[in-house]
Amino acid sequence: MTVVENLEMDAYTVADTARTRRTMEQIFAIVPHLAQRWRQAVGTMSDSEQ
């Protein structure tokens, strides 16, 4: 799974898609290197990055 797929799984129960998008933007603002690697498979990241 990619970084975004993991975040989407976490947001699965949230019905408000705009809220989900804002939350993802907040996460990427806090952890900017994830925004650069959003398509990367999580399994290829180091343990600390996962």
C-alpha atoms as a PDB file:
ATOM      1  CA  MET A   1       0.000   0.000   0.000  1.00  0.00           C
ATOM      2  CA  THR A   2       1.135   3.550  -0.650  1.00  0.00           C
ATOM      3  CA  VAL A   3       1.269   6.414   1.839  1.00  0.00           C
ATOM      4  CA  VAL A   4      -2.000   7.837   0.507  1.00  0.00           C
ATOM      5  CA  GLU A   5      -3.742   4.455   0.516  1.00  0.00           C
ATOM      6  CA  ASN A   6      -2.850   4.063   4.185  1.00  0.00           C
ATOM      7  CA  LEU A   7      -4.212   7.507   5.003  1.00  0.00           C
ATOM      8  CA  GLU A   8      -7.381   6.795   3.016  1.00  0.00           C
ATOM      9  CA  MET A   9      -7.902   3.549   4.949  1.00  0.00           C
ATOM     10  CA  ASP A  10      -7.658   5.501   8.180  1.00  0.00           C
ATOM     11  CA  ALA A  11     -10.222   7.991   6.876  1.00  0.00           C
ATOM     12  CA  TYR A  12     -12.602   5.317   5.563  1.00  0.00           C
ATOM     13  CA  THR A  13     -15.193   5.912   8.283  1.00  0.00           C
ATOM     14  CA  VAL A  14     -15.278   9.677   7.712  1.00  0.00           C
ATOM     15  CA  ALA A  15     -18.200  10.517   5.427  1.00  0.00           C
ATOM     16  CA  ASP A  16     -17.078  14.097   4.776  1.00  0.00           C
ATOM     17  CA  THR A  17     -14.601  13.922   1.884  1.00  0.00           C
ATOM     18  CA  ALA A  18     -13.683  17.601   2.241  1.00  0.00           C
ATOM     19  CA  ARG A  19     -12.709  16.947   5.862  1.00  0.00           C
ATOM     20  CA  THR A  20     -10.617  13.968   4.779  1.00  0.00           C
ATOM     21  CA  ARG A  21      -8.814  16.091   2.185  1.00  0.00           C
ATOM     22  CA  ARG A  22      -8.108  18.830   4.772  1.00  0.00           C
ATOM     23  CA  THR A  23      -6.782  16.258   7.215  1.00  0.00           C
ATOM     24  CA  MET A  24      -4.439  14.808   4.586  1.00  0.00           C
ATOM     25  CA  GLU A  25      -3.201  18.305   3.765  1.00  0.00           C
ATOM     26  CA  GLN A  26      -2.550  18.902   7.472  1.00  0.00           C
ATOM     27  CA  ILE A  27      -0.617  15.640   7.746  1.00  0.00           C
ATOM     28  CA  PHE A  28       1.482  16.528   4.694  1.00  0.00           C
ATOM     29  CA  ALA A  29       2.136  19.988   6.175  1.00  0.00           C
ATOM     30  CA  ILE A  30       3.360  18.430   9.425  1.00  0.00           C
ATOM     31  CA  VAL A  31       5.392  15.700   7.695  1.00  0.00           C
ATOM     32  CA  PRO A  32       6.384  17.256   4.344  1.00  0.00           C
ATOM     33  CA  HIS A  33       8.565  14.363   3.176  1.00  0.00           C
ATOM     34  CA  LEU A  34       5.416  12.197   3.047  1.00  0.00           C
ATOM     35  CA  ALA A  35       3.910  14.613   0.539  1.00  0.00           C
ATOM     36  CA  GLN A  36       6.928  14.026  -1.681  1.00  0.00           C
ATOM     37  CA  ARG A  37       6.557  10.258  -1.356  1.00  0.00           C
ATOM     38  CA  TRP A  38       2.770   9.909  -1.424  1.00  0.00           C
ATOM     39  CA  ARG A  39       2.842   7.281  -4.181  1.00  0.00           C
ATOM     40  CA  GLN A  40       5.632   5.238  -2.640  1.00  0.00           C
ATOM     41  CA  ALA A  41       4.824   1.814  -1.281  1.00  0.00           C
ATOM     42  CA  VAL A  42       5.036   1.954   2.497  1.00  0.00           C
ATOM     43  CA  GLY A  43       6.861  -1.380   2.621  1.00  0.00           C
ATOM     44  CA  THR A  44       9.829   0.212   0.839  1.00  0.00           C
ATOM     45  CA  MET A  45      10.254   2.833   3.574  1.00  0.00           C
ATOM     46  CA  SER A  46      12.385   2.452   6.663  1.00  0.00           C
ATOM     47  CA  ASP A  47      10.761   1.338   9.913  1.00  0.00           C
ATOM     48  CA  SER A  48      10.813   4.844  11.357  1.00  0.00           C
ATOM     49  CA  GLU A  49       9.196   6.300   8.229  1.00  0.00           C
ATOM     50  CA  GLN A  50       6.396   3.749   8.323  1.00  0.00           C
END
